[in-house]
Amino acid sequence: MQMNELYRQKEAFLKYLDTIRGYSPLTIRSYNDAIDEMLTFAEMDASSNLLSINLMPLRLKISSLKAKSIAAKLSAIRSFVKYLRSQGKTVELRGDESIKTPKTLPKPITHEQILHALQYAEPQAALAITLLYTMGLRISELTHLRLSDISEGWSRIHGKGSKERDIPMMDNIRTMVQEYQKINPSREYVFELKGEKLSENSLRYTIIKAFAKVGLKVTPHQLRHTYATELLNNGARIADVSELLGHASMATTQIYTKLGNALKMEHYLQSHPLCQTHEDSK
């Protein structure tokens, strides 16, 4: 694979991140910079049908950066390599070993923002957004949601590692699924097109486009974050939320409690008169 072909693939990848994955312009810029650094400093051998990429020269170049910055660059490069492979390219990546970084807090959106988007969403987008928000599903789980999985009051979810869990489904949400099926009847899965299950990318694009109509950049995973945050902020037990989310460890769920504490602190500093006086005096 020649360099000009790699740059062409990079532009196609960045377009994919924008239109399909819904990444922000700032994130796309960081991916672009990381890939450009890879193309400039990494050792690449494309003498055969195999493209071999050795990142060690690049890692030496960026070794003075913070661990979080290095991890972000490596993650962007891995995503690009994964994209190349999805396009039928044979790529070997070396020197991409992970480094430990502190977990960052997720960024939920507000209930009001979701309701606003639902007012203008098409039926498919409205149902997808509602299911993600009221059940805390991953986009992959939404894609695999079968009509036979839905029963009165509950829905069986097929999660990571072939693990299954039951999640409450409100009657009005079940009715919403039934109404959607009258307009878009399917054989097996809730979301189908011409008898075939809709792909994750198709559903993701539908959701991102619905929020874009009201000027918001929102990904399906943010809806899952919002689901967890709303439950915890309104008194749900962390053990129950962990089970509902399908987390293998409760430690993963605890990041949402940290987010809740951060928001409480922010609201406290904004609301208490003595805090405001202190801020004004700075």
Protein backbone atom coordinates (compact mmCIF):
# COMPACT_ATOMS: atom_id res chain seq x y z
CA MET A 1 0.00 0.00 0.00
CA GLN A 2 1.54 3.31 -1.11
CA MET A 3 1.62 6.43 1.06
CA ASN A 4 -0.86 8.33 -1.10
CA GLU A 5 -3.29 5.42 -0.68
CA LEU A 6 -2.84 5.58 3.11
CA TYR A 7 -3.60 9.31 3.12
CA ARG A 8 -6.69 8.66 1.01
CA GLN A 9 -7.80 5.98 3.48
CA LYS A 10 -7.15 8.40 6.34
CA GLU A 11 -9.51 10.98 4.82
CA ALA A 12 -12.20 8.31 4.34
CA PHE A 13 -11.71 7.21 7.96
CA LEU A 14 -12.08 10.75 9.30
CA LYS A 15 -15.26 11.18 7.25
CA TYR A 16 -16.56 7.92 8.78
CA LEU A 17 -15.85 9.25 12.28
CA ASP A 18 -17.80 12.42 11.49
CA THR A 19 -20.85 11.08 9.63
CA ILE A 20 -21.28 7.60 11.11
CA ARG A 21 -19.71 7.72 14.57
CA GLY A 22 -20.68 11.33 15.28
CA TYR A 23 -17.32 12.36 16.75
CA SER A 24 -16.76 16.02 17.57
CA PRO A 25 -14.54 18.21 15.32
CA LEU A 26 -11.97 18.41 18.13
CA THR A 27 -11.79 14.61 18.46
CA ILE A 28 -11.52 14.17 14.69
CA ARG A 29 -8.67 16.70 14.64
CA SER A 30 -6.83 14.74 17.33
CA TYR A 31 -7.28 11.51 15.34
CA ASN A 32 -5.97 13.25 12.23
CA ASP A 33 -2.89 14.50 14.10
CA ALA A 34 -2.17 11.06 15.59
CA ILE A 35 -2.42 9.32 12.23
CA ASP A 36 -0.23 11.97 10.57
CA GLU A 37 2.40 11.39 13.27
CA MET A 38 2.20 7.66 12.61
CA LEU A 39 2.66 8.19 8.87
CA THR A 40 5.63 10.49 9.55
CA PHE A 41 7.56 8.69 12.30
CA ALA A 42 6.53 5.01 12.37
CA GLU A 43 8.47 2.38 10.45
CA MET A 44 6.30 1.07 7.64
CA ASP A 45 6.98 -1.73 5.20
CA ALA A 46 4.58 -2.21 2.34
CA SER A 47 6.85 -4.27 0.12
CA SER A 48 4.35 -7.13 -0.06
CA ASN A 49 0.58 -7.43 0.27
CA LEU A 50 1.10 -7.00 4.01
CA LEU A 51 1.43 -3.51 5.47
CA SER A 52 3.69 -3.73 8.52
CA ILE A 53 3.64 -0.79 10.96
CA ASN A 54 6.14 -0.52 13.82
CA LEU A 55 5.18 2.25 16.25
CA MET A 56 8.32 2.17 18.38
CA PRO A 57 10.04 5.13 16.61
CA LEU A 58 6.83 7.16 17.11
CA ARG A 59 6.63 6.16 20.78
CA LEU A 60 10.18 7.34 21.33
CA LYS A 61 9.25 10.63 19.67
CA ILE A 62 6.23 11.22 21.94
CA SER A 63 7.68 9.64 25.11
CA SER A 64 7.83 13.01 26.90
CA LEU A 65 4.05 13.47 26.67
CA LYS A 66 1.68 12.60 29.49
CA ALA A 67 0.50 8.99 29.67
CA LYS A 68 -3.06 10.02 28.82
CA SER A 69 -1.94 11.83 25.66
CA ILE A 70 0.16 8.86 24.51
CA ALA A 71 -2.72 6.47 25.18
CA ALA A 72 -5.09 8.69 23.15
CA LYS A 73 -2.73 8.71 20.17
CA LEU A 74 -2.27 4.93 20.29
CA SER A 75 -6.02 4.44 20.54
CA ALA A 76 -6.59 6.63 17.46
CA ILE A 77 -3.98 4.68 15.50
CA ARG A 78 -5.51 1.34 16.52
CA SER A 79 -8.91 2.57 15.36
CA PHE A 80 -7.44 3.57 12.00
CA VAL A 81 -5.77 0.17 11.60
CA LYS A 82 -9.07 -1.54 12.47
CA TYR A 83 -10.75 0.57 9.78
CA LEU A 84 -8.09 -0.41 7.22
CA ARG A 85 -8.70 -4.07 8.01
CA SER A 86 -12.44 -3.57 7.59
CA GLN A 87 -11.65 -2.27 4.10
CA GLY A 88 -9.90 -5.53 3.22
CA LYS A 89 -6.33 -4.38 3.93
CA THR A 90 -3.87 -6.74 5.62
CA VAL A 91 -2.13 -4.76 8.35
CA GLU A 92 0.32 -5.82 11.05
CA LEU A 93 0.69 -3.38 13.95
CA ARG A 94 3.64 -3.61 16.36
CA GLY A 95 4.67 -1.51 19.33
CA ASP A 96 1.12 -0.52 20.27
CA GLU A 97 1.16 -1.94 23.81
CA SER A 98 -1.24 -0.11 26.11
CA ILE A 99 -0.21 2.07 29.03
CA LYS A 100 -2.29 2.57 32.17
CA THR A 101 -4.18 5.84 32.45
CA PRO A 102 -6.76 7.07 34.98
CA LYS A 103 -10.38 6.59 33.91
CA THR A 104 -12.20 9.68 32.70
CA LEU A 105 -15.74 10.52 33.68
CA PRO A 106 -18.50 9.97 31.11
CA LYS A 107 -20.50 12.94 29.86
CA PRO A 108 -24.26 12.42 30.11
CA ILE A 109 -26.77 14.75 28.53
CA THR A 110 -29.87 16.18 30.18
CA HIS A 111 -33.35 14.69 30.23
CA GLU A 112 -34.64 17.90 28.65
CA GLN A 113 -32.22 17.61 25.73
CA ILE A 114 -33.39 14.07 25.03
CA LEU A 115 -37.06 15.10 25.12
CA HIS A 116 -36.28 17.99 22.77
CA ALA A 117 -34.65 15.65 20.24
CA LEU A 118 -37.55 13.19 20.47
CA GLN A 119 -40.00 15.92 19.42
CA TYR A 120 -38.37 16.09 15.97
CA ALA A 121 -37.14 12.52 15.55
CA GLU A 122 -38.44 10.10 12.92
CA PRO A 123 -40.19 6.96 14.29
CA GLN A 124 -37.13 4.71 13.98
CA ALA A 125 -34.81 7.23 15.67
CA ALA A 126 -37.40 8.00 18.36
CA LEU A 127 -37.78 4.34 19.28
CA ALA A 128 -34.02 3.70 19.24
CA ILE A 129 -33.32 6.73 21.45
CA THR A 130 -36.10 5.79 23.87
CA LEU A 131 -34.90 2.19 24.21
CA LEU A 132 -31.31 3.25 24.85
CA TYR A 133 -32.34 5.90 27.36
CA THR A 134 -34.91 3.85 29.30
CA MET A 135 -32.97 0.56 29.32
CA GLY A 136 -29.30 1.60 29.30
CA LEU A 137 -28.42 -0.61 26.35
CA ARG A 138 -25.21 -0.74 24.37
CA ILE A 139 -25.72 -0.07 20.65
CA SER A 140 -24.76 -3.70 19.93
CA GLU A 141 -27.45 -4.89 22.34
CA LEU A 142 -30.06 -2.67 20.70
CA THR A 143 -29.13 -4.10 17.30
CA HIS A 144 -29.64 -7.65 18.58
CA LEU A 145 -32.92 -6.95 20.40
CA ARG A 146 -35.46 -9.52 19.19
CA LEU A 147 -39.23 -9.20 19.29
CA SER A 148 -39.31 -12.52 21.12
CA ASP A 149 -37.06 -11.01 23.83
CA ILE A 150 -39.81 -8.60 24.87
CA SER A 151 -42.40 -9.76 27.38
CA GLU A 152 -44.80 -8.01 29.74
CA GLY A 153 -42.75 -5.74 31.98
CA TRP A 154 -39.36 -7.14 30.97
CA SER A 155 -36.94 -7.59 28.09
CA ARG A 156 -34.17 -10.17 27.75
CA ILE A 157 -30.90 -8.53 26.67
CA HIS A 158 -28.03 -10.42 25.01
CA GLY A 159 -24.90 -8.66 26.22
CA LYS A 160 -21.13 -8.98 26.01
CA GLY A 161 -19.63 -12.44 26.16
CA SER A 162 -22.99 -14.09 25.42
CA LYS A 163 -24.22 -13.03 28.86
CA GLU A 164 -27.95 -12.42 29.24
CA ARG A 165 -29.79 -10.15 31.64
CA ASP A 166 -33.41 -9.07 32.15
CA ILE A 167 -34.19 -5.34 32.16
CA PRO A 168 -37.52 -3.73 33.10
CA MET A 169 -39.49 -2.39 30.14
CA MET A 170 -42.29 0.05 30.88
CA ASP A 171 -45.69 -0.68 29.34
CA ASN A 172 -45.66 2.52 27.29
CA ILE A 173 -42.27 1.57 25.81
CA ARG A 174 -43.57 -1.88 24.90
CA THR A 175 -46.57 -0.19 23.26
CA MET A 176 -44.18 2.08 21.37
CA VAL A 177 -42.43 -1.02 19.97
CA GLN A 178 -45.76 -2.49 18.92
CA GLU A 179 -46.82 0.73 17.20
CA TYR A 180 -43.49 0.88 15.38
CA GLN A 181 -44.00 -2.70 14.18
CA LYS A 182 -47.32 -1.71 12.60
CA ILE A 183 -45.45 0.79 10.43
CA ASN A 184 -42.24 -1.21 10.00
CA PRO A 185 -43.09 -4.90 10.45
CA SER A 186 -40.13 -7.23 10.95
CA ARG A 187 -39.66 -10.98 11.28
CA GLU A 188 -37.18 -11.35 14.14
CA TYR A 189 -35.43 -8.20 15.28
CA VAL A 190 -37.01 -4.93 16.40
CA PHE A 191 -35.00 -3.02 13.79
CA GLU A 192 -34.85 -4.60 10.35
CA LEU A 193 -34.61 -3.47 6.74
CA LYS A 194 -35.88 -5.77 4.00
CA GLY A 195 -35.85 -8.73 6.33
CA GLU A 196 -32.29 -8.16 7.55
CA LYS A 197 -31.18 -6.92 10.97
CA LEU A 198 -30.04 -3.29 10.88
CA SER A 199 -26.32 -2.82 11.45
CA GLU A 200 -24.86 -0.96 14.43
CA ASN A 201 -23.60 1.78 12.11
CA SER A 202 -27.06 2.28 10.59
CA LEU A 203 -28.72 2.67 13.99
CA ARG A 204 -25.88 4.83 15.28
CA TYR A 205 -26.19 7.17 12.28
CA THR A 206 -29.99 7.38 12.74
CA ILE A 207 -29.57 8.41 16.38
CA ILE A 208 -26.77 10.91 15.73
CA LYS A 209 -28.77 12.50 12.91
CA ALA A 210 -31.82 12.89 15.17
CA PHE A 211 -29.83 14.87 17.74
CA ALA A 212 -28.09 16.87 15.01
CA LYS A 213 -31.53 18.19 13.99
CA VAL A 214 -31.67 20.09 17.28
CA GLY A 215 -28.03 21.13 17.20
CA LEU A 216 -26.62 18.46 19.53
CA LYS A 217 -23.70 16.06 19.13
CA VAL A 218 -24.84 12.95 20.98
CA THR A 219 -23.69 9.35 20.64
CA PRO A 220 -25.65 6.22 21.61
CA HIS A 221 -23.18 5.55 24.43
CA GLN A 222 -23.99 8.93 25.99
CA LEU A 223 -27.59 7.77 26.35
CA ARG A 224 -26.33 4.74 28.29
CA HIS A 225 -24.27 7.08 30.47
CA THR A 226 -27.33 9.25 31.07
CA TYR A 227 -29.44 6.23 32.01
CA ALA A 228 -26.94 5.17 34.67
CA THR A 229 -26.42 8.68 36.00
CA GLU A 230 -30.16 9.38 36.31
CA LEU A 231 -30.73 6.15 38.22
CA LEU A 232 -27.88 6.74 40.67
CA ASN A 233 -28.73 10.42 41.20
CA ASN A 234 -32.29 9.43 42.06
CA GLY A 235 -31.43 6.86 44.70
CA ALA A 236 -30.96 3.57 42.84
CA ARG A 237 -28.53 1.12 44.47
CA ILE A 238 -25.20 0.82 42.70
CA ALA A 239 -25.45 -2.99 42.76
CA ASP A 240 -28.79 -2.84 40.91
CA VAL A 241 -27.49 -0.34 38.34
CA SER A 242 -24.40 -2.48 37.77
CA GLU A 243 -26.61 -5.49 37.06
CA LEU A 244 -28.92 -3.51 34.78
CA LEU A 245 -25.95 -2.24 32.77
CA GLY A 246 -24.46 -5.71 32.46
CA HIS A 247 -21.14 -4.69 34.01
CA ALA A 248 -18.82 -7.55 34.89
CA SER A 249 -17.55 -5.62 37.89
CA MET A 250 -19.24 -3.08 40.16
CA ALA A 251 -16.03 -1.04 39.98
CA THR A 252 -16.97 -0.11 36.42
CA THR A 253 -20.30 1.28 37.62
CA GLN A 254 -18.66 3.33 40.38
CA ILE A 255 -17.38 5.83 37.82
CA TYR A 256 -20.96 7.10 37.58
CA THR A 257 -21.07 7.79 41.32
CA LYS A 258 -17.93 9.90 40.89
CA LEU A 259 -19.70 11.79 38.12
CA GLY A 260 -22.69 12.36 40.39
CA ASN A 261 -20.45 13.74 43.12
CA ALA A 262 -18.70 16.03 40.63
CA LEU A 263 -22.05 17.40 39.46
CA LYS A 264 -23.24 17.90 43.05
CA MET A 265 -20.07 19.86 43.81
CA GLU A 266 -20.52 21.99 40.70
CA HIS A 267 -24.15 22.76 41.59
CA TYR A 268 -23.17 23.51 45.18
CA LEU A 269 -20.48 25.99 44.13
CA GLN A 270 -22.92 27.67 41.73
CA SER A 271 -25.83 27.82 44.17
CA HIS A 272 -24.56 28.55 47.68
CA PRO A 273 -24.33 32.32 48.30
CA LEU A 274 -21.08 32.09 50.26
CA CYS A 275 -19.48 30.06 47.44
CA GLN A 276 -20.62 32.65 44.90
CA THR A 277 -19.18 35.45 47.02
CA HIS A 278 -15.87 33.60 47.22
CA GLU A 279 -15.80 33.08 43.47
CA ASP A 280 -16.63 36.72 42.78
CA SER A 281 -13.80 37.90 45.01
CA LYS A 282 -11.16 36.00 43.05
